[in-house]
């Protein structure tokens, strides 16, 4: 294993290691289908008890040129660009730190997201969006089984923003654009209502349609749209969608 990857592996193996085996949720297929992907993608489940993989998508062969039946977690890590390994390590450590702040009881109420370069089947590196959802927790409340989704977004953007986002589910607030490579504090935070409006914008709904669907006044929806654009630091809907895909918000 490459030295850069070995240190990263230790973050999962030691910092997130589970103390017991757990079962896949019965809603697994529903959970997978609920995750938005904006390009060629694959998913797998990692068990933090023994670092084994299951439910590996067959599409990993087309995307990475690897045989899904024999693929290991170390094989996945070896696909990471050496220059991005340090960022991934810091991003995963930042996730741990964030849950120490907001509470480990919220672990299954967030989707983590960041970008990294990974080697494709042609031997070249492409930018991928990594998203993860914790499926089960162990008796100590920590990681047990986790769903990882990797999406090739190189057709949308080629430069990594090196930021981390935690997308709130079940009405939890979202923490977006968190810096992990420097000491810049804070993160971009959308309210529950802004996230609802944002997802409907991504679905192509107009202000009128969003107003009707959420039973909100037109002026209220317009204010939400202005606030979302301002927080995201973009000028129009096209830039907003691109930014949101990059940050795993939709």
Protein backbone atom coordinates (compact mmCIF):
# COMPACT_ATOMS: atom_id res chain seq x y z
CA UNK A 1 0.00 0.00 0.00
CA UNK A 2 1.27 3.48 -0.87
CA UNK A 3 2.49 5.50 2.16
CA UNK A 4 -0.08 8.25 1.52
CA UNK A 5 -2.88 5.69 1.44
CA UNK A 6 -1.67 3.74 4.49
CA UNK A 7 -2.21 6.74 6.78
CA UNK A 8 -5.66 7.28 5.29
CA UNK A 9 -6.57 3.62 5.81
CA UNK A 10 -5.66 3.94 9.47
CA UNK A 11 -8.26 6.66 9.94
CA UNK A 12 -11.02 4.19 9.03
CA UNK A 13 -9.44 1.11 10.55
CA UNK A 14 -8.74 2.67 13.94
CA UNK A 15 -10.74 5.87 14.38
CA UNK A 16 -14.00 4.48 12.97
CA UNK A 17 -13.63 0.78 13.78
CA UNK A 18 -16.86 -0.92 14.86
CA UNK A 19 -17.05 -3.27 17.84
CA UNK A 20 -19.69 -5.57 16.37
CA UNK A 21 -21.28 -6.97 13.22
CA UNK A 22 -24.62 -5.48 12.19
CA UNK A 23 -27.24 -6.33 9.57
CA UNK A 24 -28.06 -4.40 6.41
CA UNK A 25 -31.29 -2.38 6.87
CA UNK A 26 -34.36 -3.84 5.18
CA UNK A 27 -34.80 -0.46 3.42
CA UNK A 28 -31.41 -0.76 1.72
CA UNK A 29 -32.69 -0.63 -1.88
CA UNK A 30 -34.86 2.39 -1.03
CA UNK A 31 -31.89 4.16 0.56
CA UNK A 32 -29.68 3.55 -2.48
CA UNK A 33 -32.32 4.80 -4.92
CA UNK A 34 -32.78 8.01 -2.90
CA UNK A 35 -29.18 9.16 -3.52
CA UNK A 36 -28.88 11.51 -6.49
CA UNK A 37 -26.05 10.85 -8.95
CA UNK A 38 -25.05 13.15 -11.80
CA UNK A 39 -22.95 10.77 -13.88
CA UNK A 40 -21.57 7.22 -14.10
CA UNK A 41 -21.58 5.82 -10.57
CA UNK A 42 -21.23 2.75 -8.39
CA UNK A 43 -21.82 1.97 -4.75
CA UNK A 44 -20.75 -0.48 -2.10
CA UNK A 45 -21.21 -1.11 1.62
CA UNK A 46 -18.23 -1.12 3.95
CA UNK A 47 -18.38 -2.91 7.31
CA UNK A 48 -16.20 -1.08 9.82
CA UNK A 49 -16.03 -4.18 12.00
CA UNK A 50 -13.63 -5.98 9.65
CA UNK A 51 -13.29 -3.48 6.75
CA UNK A 52 -14.96 -5.89 4.29
CA UNK A 53 -17.08 -4.81 1.32
CA UNK A 54 -20.48 -6.04 0.15
CA UNK A 55 -23.20 -5.04 -2.34
CA UNK A 56 -20.58 -3.84 -4.82
CA UNK A 57 -22.09 -2.45 -8.03
CA UNK A 58 -21.19 -4.27 -11.24
CA UNK A 59 -20.55 -0.83 -12.81
CA UNK A 60 -17.23 -0.60 -10.94
CA UNK A 61 -15.74 -2.79 -13.65
CA UNK A 62 -16.66 -0.36 -16.42
CA UNK A 63 -15.64 2.71 -14.39
CA UNK A 64 -12.43 1.46 -12.78
CA UNK A 65 -11.69 -1.75 -14.68
CA UNK A 66 -11.84 -3.83 -11.49
CA UNK A 67 -13.61 -7.11 -10.81
CA UNK A 68 -16.45 -6.41 -8.32
CA UNK A 69 -16.50 -9.91 -6.81
CA UNK A 70 -12.91 -9.76 -5.57
CA UNK A 71 -12.57 -6.03 -4.85
CA UNK A 72 -11.29 -4.99 -1.41
CA UNK A 73 -11.36 -1.67 0.42
CA UNK A 74 -7.62 -1.31 -0.07
CA UNK A 75 -8.16 -1.70 -3.82
CA UNK A 76 -10.59 1.22 -3.68
CA UNK A 77 -8.13 3.35 -1.71
CA UNK A 78 -5.34 2.60 -4.17
CA UNK A 79 -7.42 4.32 -6.86
CA UNK A 80 -7.12 7.68 -5.06
CA UNK A 81 -4.73 10.19 -6.61
CA UNK A 82 -1.66 10.44 -4.30
CA UNK A 83 -2.03 14.23 -4.14
CA UNK A 84 -5.63 13.89 -2.90
CA UNK A 85 -4.98 11.26 -0.23
CA UNK A 86 -4.03 13.88 2.37
CA UNK A 87 -7.23 15.82 1.74
CA UNK A 88 -9.39 12.69 2.06
CA UNK A 89 -7.68 11.85 5.37
CA UNK A 90 -8.38 15.36 6.70
CA UNK A 91 -11.96 15.29 5.40
CA UNK A 92 -12.68 12.01 7.20
CA UNK A 93 -11.06 13.34 10.38
CA UNK A 94 -13.18 16.50 10.06
CA UNK A 95 -16.33 14.38 9.85
CA UNK A 96 -15.41 12.69 13.12
CA UNK A 97 -14.73 16.07 14.70
CA UNK A 98 -18.05 17.48 13.47
CA UNK A 99 -20.06 14.65 14.99
CA UNK A 100 -18.24 15.15 18.28
CA UNK A 101 -19.66 18.67 18.10
CA UNK A 102 -23.24 18.01 16.92
CA UNK A 103 -23.64 14.62 18.61
CA UNK A 104 -23.03 11.02 17.55
CA UNK A 105 -26.75 10.37 17.91
CA UNK A 106 -27.11 12.37 14.65
CA UNK A 107 -24.74 10.06 12.74
CA UNK A 108 -27.44 8.46 10.58
CA UNK A 109 -29.14 11.79 9.88
CA UNK A 110 -26.41 13.14 7.60
CA UNK A 111 -24.98 12.42 4.17
CA UNK A 112 -21.28 13.19 3.90
CA UNK A 113 -19.86 14.49 0.63
CA UNK A 114 -16.57 15.62 -0.90
CA UNK A 115 -14.67 15.27 -4.17
CA UNK A 116 -11.47 13.42 -5.00
CA UNK A 117 -9.55 12.25 -8.01
CA UNK A 118 -9.59 8.51 -8.71
CA UNK A 119 -8.03 6.36 -11.41
CA UNK A 120 -10.38 5.26 -14.17
CA UNK A 121 -10.39 2.13 -16.30
CA UNK A 122 -8.23 3.92 -18.90
CA UNK A 123 -5.49 4.59 -16.34
CA UNK A 124 -6.17 8.34 -16.20
CA UNK A 125 -7.48 10.23 -13.18
CA UNK A 126 -10.96 11.73 -13.07
CA UNK A 127 -12.85 13.78 -10.50
CA UNK A 128 -15.36 11.79 -8.47
CA UNK A 129 -18.00 12.84 -5.99
CA UNK A 130 -17.87 10.69 -2.87
CA UNK A 131 -21.10 10.44 -0.88
CA UNK A 132 -21.69 8.28 2.16
CA UNK A 133 -24.59 7.36 4.40
CA UNK A 134 -24.20 5.48 7.67
CA UNK A 135 -26.59 2.52 7.54
CA UNK A 136 -26.08 1.05 11.01
CA UNK A 137 -24.34 1.97 14.26
CA UNK A 138 -22.60 -0.32 16.72
CA UNK A 139 -23.43 -0.66 20.43
CA UNK A 140 -21.22 2.34 21.19
CA UNK A 141 -23.12 4.54 18.73
CA UNK A 142 -20.30 4.67 16.18
CA UNK A 143 -19.87 3.55 12.58
CA UNK A 144 -20.89 -0.02 11.73
CA UNK A 145 -22.03 -0.33 8.11
CA UNK A 146 -21.79 2.57 5.65
CA UNK A 147 -23.03 3.02 2.08
CA UNK A 148 -20.46 4.72 -0.18
CA UNK A 149 -21.43 6.13 -3.58
CA UNK A 150 -18.81 7.30 -6.09
CA UNK A 151 -19.93 9.34 -9.10
CA UNK A 152 -17.76 10.45 -12.01
CA UNK A 153 -18.44 14.20 -12.31
CA UNK A 154 -15.52 15.02 -14.59
CA UNK A 155 -18.02 15.96 -17.32
CA UNK A 156 -19.31 18.71 -15.04
CA UNK A 157 -16.17 19.98 -13.33
CA UNK A 158 -12.48 19.07 -13.46
CA UNK A 159 -11.03 20.97 -10.49
CA UNK A 160 -11.54 19.81 -6.92
CA UNK A 161 -12.77 22.43 -4.45
CA UNK A 162 -11.26 20.48 -1.53
CA UNK A 163 -14.23 21.10 0.73
CA UNK A 164 -16.48 18.89 2.80
CA UNK A 165 -20.26 18.98 3.15
CA UNK A 166 -22.58 17.25 5.60
CA UNK A 167 -26.12 17.27 4.23
CA UNK A 168 -28.81 17.13 6.89
CA UNK A 169 -31.63 14.60 6.57
CA UNK A 170 -34.87 14.47 8.56
CA UNK A 171 -34.96 18.26 9.04
CA UNK A 172 -31.38 18.50 10.33
CA UNK A 173 -29.39 21.60 9.23
CA UNK A 174 -26.77 21.16 6.50
CA UNK A 175 -23.11 22.17 6.83
CA UNK A 176 -21.63 22.92 3.43
CA UNK A 177 -18.31 24.05 1.95
CA UNK A 178 -16.35 23.25 5.13
CA UNK A 179 -12.63 23.89 4.74
CA UNK A 180 -10.40 21.02 5.84
CA UNK A 181 -7.02 21.95 4.35
CA UNK A 182 -6.56 25.22 6.21
CA UNK A 183 -7.68 27.08 9.30
CA UNK A 184 -10.61 28.90 7.72
CA UNK A 185 -13.51 28.52 10.18
CA UNK A 186 -17.18 27.87 9.62
CA UNK A 187 -19.20 26.41 6.81
CA UNK A 188 -22.03 27.29 4.47
CA UNK A 189 -25.25 26.47 6.30
CA UNK A 190 -28.64 26.11 4.62
CA UNK A 191 -31.88 26.00 6.60
CA UNK A 192 -34.30 23.09 6.27
CA UNK A 193 -36.64 25.20 4.11
CA UNK A 194 -33.78 26.40 1.88
CA UNK A 195 -32.79 22.77 1.29
CA UNK A 196 -36.39 21.96 0.28
CA UNK A 197 -36.43 24.86 -2.17
CA UNK A 198 -32.96 23.96 -3.46
CA UNK A 199 -33.95 20.38 -4.26
CA UNK A 200 -37.06 21.56 -6.11
CA UNK A 201 -34.98 24.05 -8.10
CA UNK A 202 -32.71 21.15 -9.07
CA UNK A 203 -35.77 19.22 -10.25
CA UNK A 204 -36.52 22.11 -12.62
CA UNK A 205 -39.55 23.55 -10.85
CA UNK A 206 -40.36 27.23 -11.35
CA UNK A 207 -40.95 29.72 -8.56
CA UNK A 208 -44.71 29.37 -9.11
CA UNK A 209 -44.55 25.57 -8.93
CA UNK A 210 -42.38 25.65 -5.80
CA UNK A 211 -44.82 28.09 -4.21
CA UNK A 212 -47.70 25.73 -4.90
CA UNK A 213 -45.87 22.56 -3.85
CA UNK A 214 -44.64 23.98 -0.52
CA UNK A 215 -47.71 26.14 0.07
CA UNK A 216 -45.59 29.26 0.34
CA UNK A 217 -46.17 32.81 -0.86
CA UNK A 218 -44.42 33.71 -4.12
CA UNK A 219 -42.38 36.44 -2.40
CA UNK A 220 -41.24 33.94 0.23
CA UNK A 221 -39.97 31.54 -2.45
CA UNK A 222 -38.23 34.41 -4.23
CA UNK A 223 -36.50 35.39 -0.99
CA UNK A 224 -35.39 31.79 -0.45
CA UNK A 225 -33.98 31.66 -3.99
CA UNK A 226 -32.06 34.92 -3.46
CA UNK A 227 -30.68 33.69 -0.13
CA UNK A 228 -29.63 30.36 -1.63
CA UNK A 229 -27.80 32.02 -4.53
CA UNK A 230 -26.11 34.44 -2.13
CA UNK A 231 -24.99 31.73 0.29
CA UNK A 232 -23.71 29.55 -2.56
CA UNK A 233 -21.82 32.52 -4.03
CA UNK A 234 -23.29 32.04 -7.52
CA UNK A 235 -25.18 34.30 -9.93
CA UNK A 236 -27.71 32.03 -11.62
CA UNK A 237 -29.48 28.69 -11.45
CA UNK A 238 -27.03 26.94 -13.80
CA UNK A 239 -24.09 27.88 -11.56
CA UNK A 240 -26.13 26.89 -8.51
CA UNK A 241 -26.85 23.38 -9.82
CA UNK A 242 -23.19 22.87 -10.76
CA UNK A 243 -22.08 24.01 -7.29
CA UNK A 244 -24.66 21.84 -5.57
CA UNK A 245 -23.62 18.73 -7.50
CA UNK A 246 -19.97 19.42 -6.61
CA UNK A 247 -20.89 19.69 -2.94
CA UNK A 248 -23.23 16.71 -2.91
CA UNK A 249 -26.25 18.82 -1.96
CA UNK A 250 -28.47 17.23 -4.62
